[in-house]
Amino acid sequence: VVAAAVAIGAGDLNTAQAVVEAALNGGQGGSWARPRLLGWRAFVAIRSERPQEAREALLEAEELLSPQSSRTQLLLETIRITLARRYGDRQSLEAAWESALAVSRNVDISLYSLLPLGSLIDAGARLGDSATLAPYLAQGLDIVQRLGRPPLWSNHLWWAGIQQGILLNKPASLGPYAQALVAAAPHSR
């Protein structure tokens, strides 16, 4: 999962997919880890614009779902939201949003929840609800600030902030995120 997250942050979806597939094929982490790995398979598939593959991995993860960590649940909810946002209608997005909000209340924002967080922020903005996840965005930005703003972990949050400002028609809010991305550009493809 860490290697896949790093590859996604670096924009290398082929490596992310290869790492996740190797982990799944090798049974890494045992049966407990399989739903999480399937969630990452779905996450990579969405990023690679392969919605059917994402749906299949999500369905398989849900069939295996036993009590999971809140981080795995958040990942699966993020996949549902992203599928609804990109390939569904507003009603399916609203339903996925409500479900994700229930799960997000039990999640502590950490380095490894930043990728899903970026997708949730975008969905919230599309629904006109940026206030709900504003504290989570602030926590995520604080994490990357304390780490020295590494582009690998920061860029997707800054991009989510830009999308949020655009979707909410708040151009003044774009400045800090755009400046951060411009500053990171020389160090990140």
Protein backbone atom coordinates (compact mmCIF):
# COMPACT_ATOMS: atom_id res chain seq x y z
CA VAL A 1 0.00 0.00 0.00
CA VAL A 2 2.81 2.39 0.85
CA ALA A 3 4.59 1.66 -2.43
CA ALA A 4 1.35 2.08 -4.38
CA ALA A 5 0.59 5.38 -2.65
CA VAL A 6 4.09 6.65 -3.42
CA ALA A 7 3.77 5.60 -7.06
CA ILE A 8 0.39 7.34 -7.35
CA GLY A 9 1.83 10.46 -5.74
CA ALA A 10 4.64 10.36 -8.28
CA GLY A 11 2.15 9.98 -11.11
CA ASP A 12 3.32 6.47 -12.00
CA LEU A 13 0.07 4.53 -12.24
CA ASN A 14 1.69 1.56 -14.00
CA THR A 15 4.00 0.96 -11.06
CA ALA A 16 1.14 1.47 -8.60
CA GLN A 17 -0.91 -1.15 -10.43
CA ALA A 18 2.02 -3.59 -10.63
CA VAL A 19 2.73 -3.24 -6.91
CA VAL A 20 -0.89 -3.79 -5.92
CA GLU A 21 -1.27 -6.76 -8.27
CA ALA A 22 1.91 -8.35 -6.92
CA ALA A 23 0.66 -7.90 -3.36
CA LEU A 24 -2.72 -9.41 -4.21
CA ASN A 25 -1.21 -12.32 -6.14
CA GLY A 26 1.28 -12.98 -3.34
CA GLY A 27 -1.37 -12.89 -0.64
CA GLN A 28 0.53 -10.19 1.24
CA GLY A 29 -1.03 -9.41 4.59
CA GLY A 30 -3.27 -12.46 4.44
CA SER A 31 -7.06 -12.38 4.23
CA TRP A 32 -7.25 -9.35 6.52
CA ALA A 33 -5.36 -7.17 4.01
CA ARG A 34 -7.15 -8.36 0.88
CA PRO A 35 -10.06 -5.85 1.04
CA ARG A 36 -7.61 -2.98 1.49
CA LEU A 37 -5.47 -4.16 -1.42
CA LEU A 38 -8.58 -4.54 -3.57
CA GLY A 39 -9.50 -1.00 -2.59
CA TRP A 40 -6.13 0.20 -3.83
CA ARG A 41 -6.62 -1.81 -7.02
CA ALA A 42 -9.89 0.07 -7.52
CA PHE A 43 -8.27 3.41 -6.65
CA VAL A 44 -5.56 2.89 -9.26
CA ALA A 45 -8.15 1.76 -11.81
CA ILE A 46 -10.16 4.94 -11.27
CA ARG A 47 -7.05 7.06 -11.67
CA SER A 48 -6.32 5.13 -14.87
CA GLU A 49 -9.87 5.72 -16.14
CA ARG A 50 -10.90 2.07 -15.96
CA PRO A 51 -14.25 2.31 -14.14
CA GLN A 52 -15.37 -1.26 -14.77
CA GLU A 53 -12.19 -2.64 -13.23
CA ALA A 54 -12.69 -0.29 -10.27
CA ARG A 55 -16.28 -1.48 -9.79
CA GLU A 56 -15.20 -5.12 -9.90
CA ALA A 57 -12.45 -4.61 -7.32
CA LEU A 58 -14.83 -2.63 -5.09
CA LEU A 59 -17.46 -5.36 -5.30
CA GLU A 60 -14.92 -8.04 -4.44
CA ALA A 61 -13.66 -5.97 -1.49
CA GLU A 62 -17.22 -5.50 -0.23
CA GLU A 63 -17.89 -9.24 -0.45
CA LEU A 64 -14.86 -9.88 1.76
CA LEU A 65 -15.59 -7.02 4.10
CA SER A 66 -15.56 -7.94 7.71
CA PRO A 67 -14.89 -5.38 10.39
CA GLN A 68 -12.27 -3.26 8.65
CA SER A 69 -10.15 -0.42 9.79
CA SER A 70 -11.66 3.00 9.34
CA ARG A 71 -8.90 3.75 6.83
CA THR A 72 -10.00 0.84 4.60
CA GLN A 73 -13.63 1.86 4.93
CA LEU A 74 -12.74 5.42 3.94
CA LEU A 75 -10.85 4.15 0.91
CA LEU A 76 -13.83 2.07 -0.23
CA GLU A 77 -16.20 5.00 0.31
CA THR A 78 -13.86 7.21 -1.69
CA ILE A 79 -14.02 4.76 -4.57
CA ARG A 80 -17.82 4.79 -4.46
CA ILE A 81 -17.84 8.57 -4.47
CA THR A 82 -15.35 8.83 -7.30
CA LEU A 83 -17.27 6.34 -9.41
CA ALA A 84 -20.49 8.26 -8.77
CA ARG A 85 -18.84 11.62 -9.43
CA ARG A 86 -17.18 10.57 -12.68
CA TYR A 87 -19.58 8.00 -14.08
CA GLY A 88 -22.89 8.35 -12.23
CA ASP A 89 -25.55 10.95 -11.63
CA ARG A 90 -26.05 13.52 -8.90
CA GLN A 91 -28.36 11.23 -6.94
CA SER A 92 -25.76 8.46 -6.75
CA LEU A 93 -23.13 11.04 -5.79
CA GLU A 94 -25.31 12.37 -2.97
CA ALA A 95 -25.93 8.86 -1.65
CA ALA A 96 -22.23 8.03 -1.77
CA TRP A 97 -21.44 11.35 -0.07
CA GLU A 98 -23.76 10.63 2.86
CA SER A 99 -22.25 7.19 3.31
CA ALA A 100 -18.71 8.56 3.18
CA LEU A 101 -19.49 11.25 5.74
CA ALA A 102 -20.61 8.62 8.21
CA VAL A 103 -17.32 6.75 7.79
CA SER A 104 -15.14 9.88 7.74
CA ARG A 105 -16.22 10.78 11.27
CA ASN A 106 -14.26 7.75 12.52
CA VAL A 107 -11.05 8.42 10.59
CA ASP A 108 -7.97 10.15 11.87
CA ILE A 109 -6.31 11.96 9.01
CA SER A 110 -2.84 10.57 8.44
CA LEU A 111 -0.29 10.52 5.67
CA TYR A 112 -1.93 7.41 4.21
CA SER A 113 -5.41 8.90 4.06
CA LEU A 114 -4.35 11.97 2.08
CA LEU A 115 -4.98 10.46 -1.36
CA PRO A 116 -8.58 9.49 -0.55
CA LEU A 117 -9.06 12.83 1.21
CA GLY A 118 -8.29 14.72 -2.00
CA SER A 119 -11.05 12.83 -3.82
CA LEU A 120 -13.53 13.48 -1.01
CA ILE A 121 -12.77 17.21 -1.02
CA ASP A 122 -13.51 17.34 -4.73
CA ALA A 123 -16.80 15.48 -4.31
CA GLY A 124 -17.84 17.76 -1.47
CA ALA A 125 -17.18 20.83 -3.59
CA ARG A 126 -19.23 19.37 -6.44
CA LEU A 127 -22.12 19.02 -3.99
CA GLY A 128 -21.60 22.51 -2.59
CA ASP A 129 -20.43 21.19 0.79
CA SER A 130 -16.88 22.24 1.44
CA ALA A 131 -17.47 23.09 5.10
CA THR A 132 -17.89 19.50 6.25
CA LEU A 133 -14.41 18.41 5.21
CA ALA A 134 -12.67 21.75 5.82
CA PRO A 135 -11.18 20.53 9.12
CA TYR A 136 -9.86 17.40 7.39
CA LEU A 137 -8.29 19.45 4.61
CA ALA A 138 -6.68 21.67 7.25
CA GLN A 139 -5.32 18.58 9.03
CA GLY A 140 -3.99 17.16 5.77
CA LEU A 141 -2.31 20.44 4.88
CA ASP A 142 -0.81 20.60 8.37
CA ILE A 143 0.64 17.10 7.93
CA VAL A 144 2.34 17.98 4.66
CA GLN A 145 3.51 21.32 6.03
CA ARG A 146 5.19 19.57 8.98
CA LEU A 147 6.87 17.20 6.52
CA GLY A 148 8.32 20.11 4.55
CA ARG A 149 5.61 20.11 1.83
CA PRO A 150 6.90 17.10 -0.15
CA PRO A 151 5.26 17.19 -3.59
CA LEU A 152 4.76 13.42 -3.52
CA TRP A 153 2.23 13.78 -0.69
CA SER A 154 1.13 17.38 -1.14
CA ASN A 155 0.30 17.91 -4.81
CA HIS A 156 -3.03 16.08 -4.80
CA LEU A 157 -4.23 18.07 -1.77
CA TRP A 158 -3.24 21.35 -3.40
CA TRP A 159 -4.98 20.28 -6.60
CA ALA A 160 -8.11 19.38 -4.60
CA GLY A 161 -8.01 22.88 -3.09
CA ILE A 162 -7.85 24.39 -6.57
CA GLN A 163 -10.76 22.27 -7.79
CA GLN A 164 -12.74 23.22 -4.70
CA GLY A 165 -12.21 26.93 -5.35
CA ILE A 166 -13.25 26.55 -8.98
CA LEU A 167 -16.34 24.46 -8.24
CA LEU A 168 -17.48 26.80 -5.46
CA ASN A 169 -16.72 29.87 -7.60
CA LYS A 170 -14.28 31.23 -5.02
CA PRO A 171 -11.31 32.37 -7.11
CA ALA A 172 -9.66 34.10 -4.15
CA SER A 173 -9.21 30.72 -2.45
CA LEU A 174 -7.12 29.37 -5.35
CA GLY A 175 -4.04 31.49 -4.64
CA PRO A 176 -2.29 29.50 -1.91
CA TYR A 177 -2.91 26.17 -3.64
CA ALA A 178 -1.80 27.44 -7.05
CA GLN A 179 1.34 29.01 -5.56
CA ALA A 180 2.19 25.74 -3.79
CA LEU A 181 1.80 23.76 -7.03
CA VAL A 182 3.93 26.24 -8.97
CA ALA A 183 6.61 26.04 -6.28
CA ALA A 184 6.53 22.22 -6.41
CA ALA A 185 6.65 21.99 -10.21
CA PRO A 186 10.46 22.02 -10.52
CA HIS A 187 10.62 19.02 -8.16
CA SER A 188 7.66 16.98 -9.38
CA ARG A 189 6.44 15.84 -12.74
